[in-house]
Protein backbone atom coordinates (compact mmCIF):
# COMPACT_ATOMS: atom_id res chain seq x y z
CA UNK A 1 24.34 -13.04 54.69
CA UNK A 2 24.42 -12.33 50.97
CA UNK A 3 22.68 -9.41 49.43
CA UNK A 4 20.94 -10.09 46.18
CA UNK A 5 21.22 -7.50 43.50
CA UNK A 6 18.09 -6.61 41.69
CA UNK A 7 18.34 -7.23 37.97
CA UNK A 8 18.91 -4.08 35.98
CA UNK A 9 15.89 -2.81 34.16
CA UNK A 10 16.38 -3.57 30.49
CA UNK A 11 13.86 -2.01 28.16
CA UNK A 12 12.06 -4.38 25.80
CA UNK A 13 12.10 -1.90 22.94
CA UNK A 14 14.88 0.27 21.54
CA UNK A 15 14.71 3.91 22.47
CA UNK A 16 14.05 6.60 19.86
CA UNK A 17 17.76 7.48 20.02
CA UNK A 18 18.68 3.85 19.32
CA UNK A 19 16.32 3.77 16.35
CA UNK A 20 17.74 7.03 15.02
CA UNK A 21 21.28 5.65 15.28
CA UNK A 22 20.29 2.49 13.41
CA UNK A 23 18.55 4.57 10.76
CA UNK A 24 21.61 6.76 10.23
CA UNK A 25 23.91 3.71 10.03
CA UNK A 26 21.63 1.66 7.79
CA UNK A 27 23.36 2.53 4.47
CA UNK A 28 26.65 1.23 5.92
CA UNK A 29 24.99 -1.90 7.33
CA UNK A 30 23.37 -2.58 3.97
CA UNK A 31 26.66 -2.07 2.12
CA UNK A 32 28.47 -4.43 4.50
CA UNK A 33 25.80 -7.09 3.98
CA UNK A 34 26.23 -6.76 0.20
CA UNK A 35 30.00 -7.08 0.62
CA UNK A 36 29.56 -10.19 2.76
CA UNK A 37 27.28 -11.67 0.12
CA UNK A 38 29.89 -10.98 -2.57
CA UNK A 39 32.60 -12.61 -0.45
CA UNK A 40 30.43 -15.70 0.06
CA UNK A 41 29.88 -15.88 -3.69
CA UNK A 42 33.64 -15.76 -4.20
CA UNK A 43 34.16 -18.61 -1.72
CA UNK A 44 31.51 -20.71 -3.40
CA UNK A 45 32.97 -19.98 -6.84
CA UNK A 46 35.61 -22.65 -6.26
CA UNK A 47 32.91 -25.22 -7.02
CA UNK A 48 32.46 -23.61 -10.43
CA UNK A 49 36.13 -23.50 -11.36
CA UNK A 50 36.93 -20.17 -9.74
CA UNK A 51 35.40 -16.71 -9.67
CA UNK A 52 34.23 -15.23 -12.94
CA UNK A 53 35.07 -11.68 -14.03
CA UNK A 54 31.53 -10.74 -12.98
CA UNK A 55 32.16 -12.14 -9.48
CA UNK A 56 35.33 -10.05 -9.18
CA UNK A 57 33.47 -6.95 -10.40
CA UNK A 58 30.70 -7.53 -7.89
CA UNK A 59 33.24 -7.82 -5.07
CA UNK A 60 35.05 -4.63 -6.09
CA UNK A 61 31.78 -2.69 -6.37
CA UNK A 62 30.59 -3.94 -2.97
CA UNK A 63 33.91 -2.97 -1.40
CA UNK A 64 33.71 0.50 -2.94
CA UNK A 65 30.13 0.86 -1.68
CA UNK A 66 31.25 0.07 1.88
CA UNK A 67 34.01 2.65 1.61
CA UNK A 68 31.61 5.32 0.33
CA UNK A 69 28.99 4.54 3.00
CA UNK A 70 31.60 4.66 5.78
CA UNK A 71 32.95 7.98 4.50
CA UNK A 72 29.43 9.42 4.26
CA UNK A 73 28.59 8.26 7.77
CA UNK A 74 31.77 9.72 9.25
CA UNK A 75 31.14 12.99 7.43
CA UNK A 76 27.59 13.20 8.86
CA UNK A 77 28.70 12.28 12.39
CA UNK A 78 31.48 14.86 12.41
CA UNK A 79 29.31 17.72 11.06
CA UNK A 80 28.96 20.14 14.02
CA UNK A 81 26.00 21.98 12.44
CA UNK A 82 24.03 18.81 11.92
CA UNK A 83 20.49 18.63 13.25
CA UNK A 84 19.68 15.22 14.70
């Protein structure tokens, strides 16, 4: 005879800790979305004869923004005196 396992209780809403984690990571998420958008623009630039200098600048700035946001996030997460 097989025993059926009860499905694990999965909350419908994120917990306050989940929301706080998302909030603290949001600058990095936003920077990565901007970088993705710049990469897509570069891929689509082939239809226009290649990326323009402005497209290249946008990509470099988005990449730098991701780097800064990741560094800021790691600095905040590693701060032992931080109040959550």
